[in-house]
Every structure is written in C-alpha cells, then in structure tokens.
C-alpha cells in the first residue's frame, strides 16, 4: 500500500510540473502535442483538442511535448505560428520556468494545508541535564520550563538553540518551576560539531535535551500563508545548498539517492500519517523544482540557459551545437540517475 501511495505522490507532483509547462505554453499559443505522465509504452491515451493525454508504463517521470520542441531530437524544429520555436526567448523562458514554479506552488499549498491541520512542536521543557554542563552548574532541573532567554519570550524548543547561538557571552534565562519564576544566568559552552552536511562547525550549548512534551499549533488564515512561505523558502534553500555541497565535494556522491529511496521514504512517510506524508511530499516537490532549474541541457534550466544566450547574442545556438550539448546533458543526467540507483541498491543490500 505504501508503494502505491508513493507512486501516486510522484505522479501528482509530475502532473503539476507538466501542467505548469502546459498552461504557460497554451497561454502563449503554443500547440501541445502530448501530455504524458510516465515514460515508455502508453497504457491509456485520450485526445482532447490537439493534445494527446497519456498514462505511460513507467511512472518515474513525465513530459509535455510541444510543437517544435523535442529533447530527444533538438534539430526537430517547426516554424509554424503555434510552434515553440517561433516564440520570443522571454516567452520560452516563462514556459520553461512554469514547471518548476508549479512544484514550488505545490509545496507552498502543502505547507499551507499543514499549517491549518496543525503543526506538532516540542514545548520548551527541559528533559535531561548533562553533568558538568553550564545548565547543570546553574541548577537547571528536569521538567523546568524555559520561559525567556535574554528577555525574549520562548514558546517552543526549536527557539532555544537558535537564541543561544545568536548571542555572545553569558545568557539570562527565566524558567518556570513549580509555578514559580526563577532567574538564572549562565555561560554557554562552545563545542566542535558537524552540520547537516558533515562540515565542521562550532556552536554554543548549555547541556540540555528536550522533554517529550509537545503541542499542536494551528495557524490562522494569514499566519498560515506566512508559515507556508517560510517553510517553502527554507526547504528550497536546503535543496540548493545540498546540490552545491554535492558539486563542490563536501557531500560524498554515495549520499545521492535515487528513485528507490524516494519511493521507500515516501511509503514510510505515508504510514506515519497525513502530516508526515504532506511534509515529505512538499520536500520532494521543492526538490523537483530546484533540480529542474539546474543548467543541464536536458532539464528546464539548460533550455533557459540557451534562451538567455539567444537574448544576449541576438541569435540562437547552432543546431549542431544544440544537438551535441543536449546529448552531453542527457549523458550527465542518466549518469546521475544510475549513480542514485546504484546507491539505492547498495543501501538495500549492504545496509
């Protein structure tokens, strides 16, 4: 059941991505020949107007085939009025951007739904206090509630570490213990640590862990939009940074996951409940949006790059150059997919 949900999630995200391209193309008068969810043999096809809407056998992607635009053969162009090729470069760029934009919009809507369903947040209660830590020496105890840090109100556990690392020198806490407020001043300890990407960093800690006490936060109508925007922006930056760290070698290529990992984690998220599924689906949607913006010729970002070149130089790249650059892009893309698949198989069978 989890695998079926995962495939459905991927199909919906791909549908939204391609619908973005389709909508923008039709807005500028470009004929769309095929709108397909999946690749390979077509299992179902219905022609509506001039467009063939299809479900294909391999549900691991999808495509919109516009008149005069064919990634498998970049020399197959058309110069009819309703062709992609006859549109101005800025119009083509909008058509290309519409797909990734649809993914970011999908993520935003999912985060918006999450904000109204209720976001689980840990409350600012102290669980364990490490021995020989600043918190232990200052007298913090289990089940103390941190109310303020340096005069700023603290509502949730996530705010504590951020506030401690924003300050320099000692910090003042107001804690609630047995319905009594207590003022405490302590000096955080600086430790060596690693961030999400395994890079060495230093951070300030006081030596406490959270108590498993949480609440569900329901956002209001306008606050929900603010939450969705911030989460979409945060997840987008995370994916951009991940790609950057992978390219620069900070993150090892063996960390790259493929379609098996995506399906597996999506299936696990679906079994954990609707909120987990929404969170992970939003992250995948942002991932699709960001990856499609990479300047690889086989992706939207590569085509955007070609159109920017045409805008600057006043002429399109030669058909010969387009052909070989696109082939190189496909080779790179297929190599990355195979690497992801190889890593997936290694993780499955070798742990």
Protein backbone atom coordinates (compact mmCIF):
# COMPACT_ATOMS: atom_id res chain seq x y z
CA UNK A 1 0.00 0.00 0.00
CA UNK A 2 2.84 2.37 0.89
CA UNK A 3 4.48 1.84 -2.51
CA UNK A 4 1.19 2.61 -4.28
CA UNK A 5 0.86 5.84 -2.29
CA UNK A 6 4.47 6.74 -3.14
CA UNK A 7 3.87 6.20 -6.88
CA UNK A 8 0.66 8.23 -6.65
CA UNK A 9 2.54 11.07 -4.92
CA UNK A 10 5.23 11.08 -7.62
CA UNK A 11 2.59 11.05 -10.35
CA UNK A 12 0.74 14.00 -8.80
CA UNK A 13 3.96 16.03 -8.47
CA UNK A 14 4.97 15.25 -12.06
CA UNK A 15 1.44 16.13 -13.23
CA UNK A 16 1.66 19.55 -11.55
CA UNK A 17 5.11 20.18 -13.01
CA UNK A 18 3.99 19.36 -16.55
CA UNK A 19 0.71 21.22 -16.04
CA UNK A 20 2.78 24.32 -15.35
CA UNK A 21 4.54 23.95 -18.71
CA UNK A 22 1.24 23.13 -20.44
CA UNK A 23 -0.61 26.15 -19.02
CA UNK A 24 2.15 28.61 -19.93
CA UNK A 25 2.56 27.09 -23.41
CA UNK A 26 -1.15 27.37 -24.17
CA UNK A 27 -1.19 30.95 -22.79
CA UNK A 28 1.38 31.92 -25.43
CA UNK A 29 -0.43 30.00 -28.17
CA UNK A 30 1.94 27.01 -28.39
CA UNK A 31 0.39 23.74 -29.52
CA UNK A 32 0.97 20.86 -27.08
CA UNK A 33 1.07 17.53 -28.91
CA UNK A 34 1.46 15.18 -25.92
CA UNK A 35 0.94 15.46 -22.17
CA UNK A 36 2.23 12.23 -20.62
CA UNK A 37 2.52 11.01 -17.05
CA UNK A 38 5.24 8.36 -17.18
CA UNK A 39 7.52 7.15 -19.95
CA UNK A 40 7.57 4.19 -22.30
CA UNK A 41 4.57 2.37 -23.70
CA UNK A 42 1.31 4.27 -23.42
CA UNK A 43 -1.27 2.42 -21.35
CA UNK A 44 -4.06 4.94 -21.84
CA UNK A 45 -4.47 7.84 -24.26
CA UNK A 46 -7.26 10.32 -24.86
CA UNK A 47 -7.06 13.11 -27.41
CA UNK A 48 -8.63 16.37 -26.28
CA UNK A 49 -8.35 19.06 -28.91
CA UNK A 50 -4.88 18.74 -30.41
CA UNK A 51 -3.31 17.24 -27.28
CA UNK A 52 -2.91 13.53 -26.52
CA UNK A 53 -3.25 12.99 -22.76
CA UNK A 54 -1.48 9.77 -21.80
CA UNK A 55 -0.58 7.47 -18.92
CA UNK A 56 2.56 5.50 -19.71
CA UNK A 57 4.02 2.28 -18.32
CA UNK A 58 6.99 3.67 -16.38
CA UNK A 59 5.63 6.07 -13.71
CA UNK A 60 9.02 7.65 -12.97
CA UNK A 61 8.59 10.95 -14.76
CA UNK A 62 6.56 12.64 -17.42
CA UNK A 63 6.75 15.13 -20.22
CA UNK A 64 4.94 17.73 -22.28
CA UNK A 65 5.80 17.58 -25.98
CA UNK A 66 5.29 20.97 -27.57
CA UNK A 67 5.19 21.56 -31.28
CA UNK A 68 8.72 22.28 -32.47
CA UNK A 69 10.43 21.19 -29.25
CA UNK A 70 11.81 17.70 -28.77
CA UNK A 71 14.54 16.87 -26.22
CA UNK A 72 15.26 13.55 -27.94
CA UNK A 73 15.98 15.39 -31.19
CA UNK A 74 16.80 19.11 -30.72
CA UNK A 75 17.08 19.55 -34.50
CA UNK A 76 13.37 18.70 -34.99
CA UNK A 77 12.05 22.25 -35.11
CA UNK A 78 8.93 23.85 -36.56
CA UNK A 79 8.41 27.45 -37.61
CA UNK A 80 4.60 27.50 -37.63
CA UNK A 81 2.91 30.28 -35.67
CA UNK A 82 1.81 27.84 -32.95
CA UNK A 83 5.30 26.37 -32.54
CA UNK A 84 7.53 26.72 -29.50
CA UNK A 85 10.41 27.79 -31.77
CA UNK A 86 8.65 30.87 -33.08
CA UNK A 87 8.04 32.36 -29.65
CA UNK A 88 10.33 35.06 -28.30
CA UNK A 89 13.09 33.91 -25.92
CA UNK A 90 11.45 35.57 -22.90
CA UNK A 91 8.19 33.72 -23.67
CA UNK A 92 10.04 30.41 -23.91
CA UNK A 93 11.79 31.15 -20.60
CA UNK A 94 8.41 31.70 -18.91
CA UNK A 95 7.13 28.40 -20.37
CA UNK A 96 10.23 26.64 -19.03
CA UNK A 97 10.03 28.32 -15.60
CA UNK A 98 6.35 27.42 -15.26
CA UNK A 99 7.14 23.76 -14.50
CA UNK A 100 9.47 24.39 -11.52
CA UNK A 101 7.17 27.22 -10.37
CA UNK A 102 4.28 24.71 -10.24
CA UNK A 103 6.41 22.50 -7.96
CA UNK A 104 7.18 25.39 -5.61
CA UNK A 105 3.49 26.34 -5.63
CA UNK A 106 2.53 22.73 -4.82
CA UNK A 107 4.95 22.73 -1.87
CA UNK A 108 3.54 26.06 -0.68
CA UNK A 109 -0.03 24.70 -0.80
CA UNK A 110 1.00 21.56 1.11
CA UNK A 111 2.70 23.63 3.83
CA UNK A 112 -0.39 25.84 3.93
CA UNK A 113 -2.57 22.75 4.47
CA UNK A 114 -0.19 21.57 7.21
CA UNK A 115 -0.46 24.95 8.97
CA UNK A 116 -4.26 24.59 9.13
CA UNK A 117 -4.21 20.89 10.08
CA UNK A 118 -1.79 21.66 12.92
CA UNK A 119 1.99 21.63 13.23
CA UNK A 120 3.43 19.50 16.07
CA UNK A 121 6.01 21.44 18.09
CA UNK A 122 8.05 20.48 21.15
CA UNK A 123 7.42 22.74 24.13
CA UNK A 124 10.36 24.39 25.90
CA UNK A 125 10.58 21.89 28.77
CA UNK A 126 13.91 20.53 29.94
CA UNK A 127 14.29 16.77 29.70
CA UNK A 128 17.77 15.66 30.70
CA UNK A 129 20.50 17.92 32.09
CA UNK A 130 24.01 16.78 31.24
CA UNK A 131 26.50 16.50 34.08
CA UNK A 132 29.32 19.05 34.21
CA UNK A 133 27.47 21.33 31.77
CA UNK A 134 26.58 25.01 32.15
CA UNK A 135 22.93 24.07 32.75
CA UNK A 136 23.88 21.57 35.48
CA UNK A 137 26.17 24.08 37.20
CA UNK A 138 23.46 26.77 37.05
CA UNK A 139 20.93 24.44 38.70
CA UNK A 140 18.53 23.65 35.87
CA UNK A 141 16.39 20.59 36.53
CA UNK A 142 14.28 18.13 34.60
CA UNK A 143 10.79 19.47 33.77
CA UNK A 144 11.87 23.11 34.13
CA UNK A 145 10.12 25.24 31.53
CA UNK A 146 12.25 27.87 29.78
CA UNK A 147 10.09 30.99 29.56
CA UNK A 148 12.59 33.63 28.39
CA UNK A 149 16.13 33.92 27.06
CA UNK A 150 17.72 37.36 27.32
CA UNK A 151 14.29 38.89 27.78
CA UNK A 152 12.81 37.25 24.67
CA UNK A 153 9.76 35.03 25.15
CA UNK A 154 10.35 31.36 24.33
CA UNK A 155 7.38 29.24 23.28
CA UNK A 156 8.91 26.18 21.64
CA UNK A 157 12.06 24.08 21.98
CA UNK A 158 13.20 24.99 18.45
CA UNK A 159 13.70 28.61 19.58
CA UNK A 160 16.17 27.76 22.37
CA UNK A 161 19.25 26.66 20.38
CA UNK A 162 18.75 29.44 17.84
CA UNK A 163 18.58 32.09 20.55
CA UNK A 164 21.64 30.75 22.41
CA UNK A 165 23.75 30.76 19.22
CA UNK A 166 22.62 34.26 18.25
CA UNK A 167 24.13 35.78 21.39
CA UNK A 168 27.66 36.34 22.67
CA UNK A 169 28.86 35.92 26.24
CA UNK A 170 26.58 34.86 29.09
CA UNK A 171 22.82 34.50 28.76
CA UNK A 172 19.99 35.09 31.20
CA UNK A 173 17.15 32.61 31.49
CA UNK A 174 13.76 32.84 33.13
CA UNK A 175 12.48 29.38 33.98
CA UNK A 176 9.23 28.19 35.48
CA UNK A 177 9.46 25.54 38.21
CA UNK A 178 6.50 24.51 40.34
CA UNK A 179 4.58 27.61 39.17
CA UNK A 180 7.43 29.87 40.30
CA UNK A 181 9.59 32.00 38.01
CA UNK A 182 13.37 31.77 38.59
CA UNK A 183 16.10 33.93 37.04
CA UNK A 184 19.30 32.13 36.01
CA UNK A 185 22.47 33.45 34.37
CA UNK A 186 24.95 31.08 32.75
CA UNK A 187 27.81 30.97 30.27
CA UNK A 188 27.19 28.60 27.30
CA UNK A 189 29.92 26.16 26.37
CA UNK A 190 31.44 26.27 22.85
CA UNK A 191 31.79 22.84 21.26
CA UNK A 192 33.01 21.43 17.94
CA UNK A 193 30.21 19.83 15.97
CA UNK A 194 29.13 18.97 12.44
CA UNK A 195 26.27 20.47 10.47
CA UNK A 196 23.72 18.68 8.29
CA UNK A 197 26.31 18.29 5.51
CA UNK A 198 29.05 16.91 7.77
CA UNK A 199 31.06 20.15 7.79
CA UNK A 200 32.89 21.08 11.00
CA UNK A 201 31.26 23.94 12.89
CA UNK A 202 31.31 25.40 16.39
CA UNK A 203 28.18 26.06 18.37
CA UNK A 204 27.14 27.16 21.84
CA UNK A 205 25.28 24.77 24.11
CA UNK A 206 24.10 24.76 27.72
CA UNK A 207 23.75 20.97 28.01
CA UNK A 208 20.05 20.16 28.00
CA UNK A 209 17.79 17.90 25.96
CA UNK A 210 14.03 18.28 25.42
CA UNK A 211 11.24 16.65 27.37
CA UNK A 212 8.84 14.70 25.16
CA UNK A 213 6.08 17.21 25.66
CA UNK A 214 4.55 18.77 22.60
CA UNK A 215 1.58 20.77 21.38
CA UNK A 216 -0.23 21.15 18.07
CA UNK A 217 -0.05 24.66 16.66
CA UNK A 218 -2.94 25.68 14.39
CA UNK A 219 -2.16 28.78 12.36
CA UNK A 220 -4.73 31.42 11.45
CA UNK A 221 -5.61 32.25 7.84
CA UNK A 222 -2.92 34.90 7.27
CA UNK A 223 -0.35 33.31 9.60
CA UNK A 224 -0.72 30.10 7.60
CA UNK A 225 0.47 31.91 4.46
CA UNK A 226 3.48 33.25 6.35
CA UNK A 227 4.31 29.76 7.68
CA UNK A 228 3.94 28.20 4.20
CA UNK A 229 6.16 30.86 2.62
CA UNK A 230 8.90 30.44 5.23
CA UNK A 231 8.84 26.63 5.01
CA UNK A 232 8.92 26.69 1.19
CA UNK A 233 11.83 29.13 1.28
CA UNK A 234 13.66 27.09 3.93
CA UNK A 235 13.27 23.78 2.10
CA UNK A 236 14.30 25.41 -1.21
CA UNK A 237 17.50 26.76 0.34
CA UNK A 238 18.20 23.33 1.84
CA UNK A 239 17.98 21.67 -1.58
CA UNK A 240 20.07 24.41 -3.24
CA UNK A 241 22.75 24.01 -0.55
CA UNK A 242 22.66 20.22 -0.87
CA UNK A 243 23.29 20.45 -4.63
CA UNK A 244 26.07 22.99 -4.06
CA UNK A 245 27.74 20.77 -1.43
CA UNK A 246 27.47 17.76 -3.77
CA UNK A 247 29.06 19.66 -6.66
CA UNK A 248 31.90 21.05 -4.50
CA UNK A 249 32.61 17.63 -2.97
CA UNK A 250 31.56 18.48 0.60
CA UNK A 251 28.84 15.81 0.36
CA UNK A 252 30.01 12.43 -0.94
CA UNK A 253 28.34 11.14 -4.14
CA UNK A 254 27.36 7.99 -2.25
CA UNK A 255 24.81 10.12 -0.36
CA UNK A 256 22.87 10.69 -3.58
CA UNK A 257 19.57 8.85 -3.54
CA UNK A 258 17.57 7.58 -6.49
CA UNK A 259 14.00 6.65 -7.23
CA UNK A 260 14.06 3.62 -4.89
CA UNK A 261 14.98 5.83 -1.94
CA UNK A 262 12.27 8.34 -2.85
CA UNK A 263 9.61 5.64 -3.09
CA UNK A 264 10.82 3.95 0.11
CA UNK A 265 10.87 7.12 2.22
CA UNK A 266 7.54 8.32 0.79
CA UNK A 267 5.99 4.96 1.67
CA UNK A 268 7.35 5.27 5.23
CA UNK A 269 6.03 8.83 5.49
CA UNK A 270 2.57 7.72 4.35
CA UNK A 271 2.45 5.07 7.07
CA UNK A 272 3.40 7.70 9.68
CA UNK A 273 0.30 9.78 8.96
CA UNK A 274 -1.02 12.51 6.71
CA UNK A 275 1.18 15.25 8.18
CA UNK A 276 4.39 13.27 7.59
CA UNK A 277 3.26 12.49 4.05
CA UNK A 278 2.47 16.17 3.38
CA UNK A 279 5.84 17.29 4.80
CA UNK A 280 7.82 14.83 2.70
CA UNK A 281 5.74 15.41 -0.44
CA UNK A 282 6.38 19.16 -0.12
CA UNK A 283 10.11 18.49 0.18
CA UNK A 284 10.10 16.25 -2.93
CA UNK A 285 8.13 18.90 -4.81
CA UNK A 286 10.71 21.56 -3.94
CA UNK A 287 13.43 19.07 -4.89
CA UNK A 288 11.90 18.61 -8.34
CA UNK A 289 11.61 22.37 -8.77
CA UNK A 290 15.22 23.05 -7.80
CA UNK A 291 16.75 20.16 -9.77
CA UNK A 292 14.88 21.15 -12.93
CA UNK A 293 16.44 24.62 -12.69
CA UNK A 294 19.98 23.23 -12.86
CA UNK A 295 21.74 24.37 -16.08
CA UNK A 296 21.86 20.86 -17.54
CA UNK A 297 20.76 20.86 -21.22
CA UNK A 298 18.28 18.01 -20.78
CA UNK A 299 16.48 19.92 -18.00
CA UNK A 300 14.44 23.13 -17.93
CA UNK A 301 17.45 25.03 -16.60
CA UNK A 302 19.52 24.02 -19.63
CA UNK A 303 16.87 25.27 -22.04
CA UNK A 304 16.58 28.51 -20.06
CA UNK A 305 20.35 28.88 -20.44
CA UNK A 306 20.04 28.50 -24.25
CA UNK A 307 17.29 31.13 -24.37
CA UNK A 308 19.30 33.57 -22.27
CA UNK A 309 22.16 33.08 -24.72
CA UNK A 310 19.79 33.93 -27.58
CA UNK A 311 18.54 37.04 -25.75
CA UNK A 312 22.12 38.27 -25.16
CA UNK A 313 23.69 37.33 -28.50
CA UNK A 314 20.65 38.00 -30.68
CA UNK A 315 20.84 34.56 -32.28
CA UNK A 316 20.06 31.00 -31.28
CA UNK A 317 22.84 28.42 -30.79
CA UNK A 318 23.55 26.42 -33.93
CA UNK A 319 21.58 23.21 -34.43
CA UNK A 320 24.84 21.23 -34.36
CA UNK A 321 25.90 22.77 -31.03
CA UNK A 322 22.40 22.24 -29.56
CA UNK A 323 22.47 18.59 -30.63
CA UNK A 324 25.80 17.72 -29.03
CA UNK A 325 25.26 19.81 -25.89
CA UNK A 326 21.86 18.16 -25.39
CA UNK A 327 23.42 14.71 -25.83
CA UNK A 328 26.03 15.61 -23.21
CA UNK A 329 23.25 16.80 -20.90
CA UNK A 330 21.36 13.54 -21.29
CA UNK A 331 24.56 11.58 -20.64
CA UNK A 332 25.14 13.54 -17.41
CA UNK A 333 21.52 13.17 -16.32
CA UNK A 334 21.43 9.41 -16.99
CA UNK A 335 24.77 9.03 -15.16
CA UNK A 336 23.34 10.78 -12.09
CA UNK A 337 20.22 8.59 -12.23
CA UNK A 338 22.33 5.44 -12.47
CA UNK A 339 24.51 6.61 -9.58
CA UNK A 340 21.41 7.21 -7.48
CA UNK A 341 20.09 3.76 -8.41
CA UNK A 342 23.47 2.17 -7.58
CA UNK A 343 23.49 3.87 -4.17
CA UNK A 344 19.89 2.75 -3.56
CA UNK A 345 20.78 -0.88 -4.29
CA UNK A 346 23.88 -0.66 -2.07
CA UNK A 347 21.79 0.69 0.81
CA UNK A 348 19.17 -2.01 0.34
CA UNK A 349 21.51 -5.00 0.16
CA UNK A 350 24.60 -3.80 2.02
CA UNK A 351 22.94 -1.61 4.63
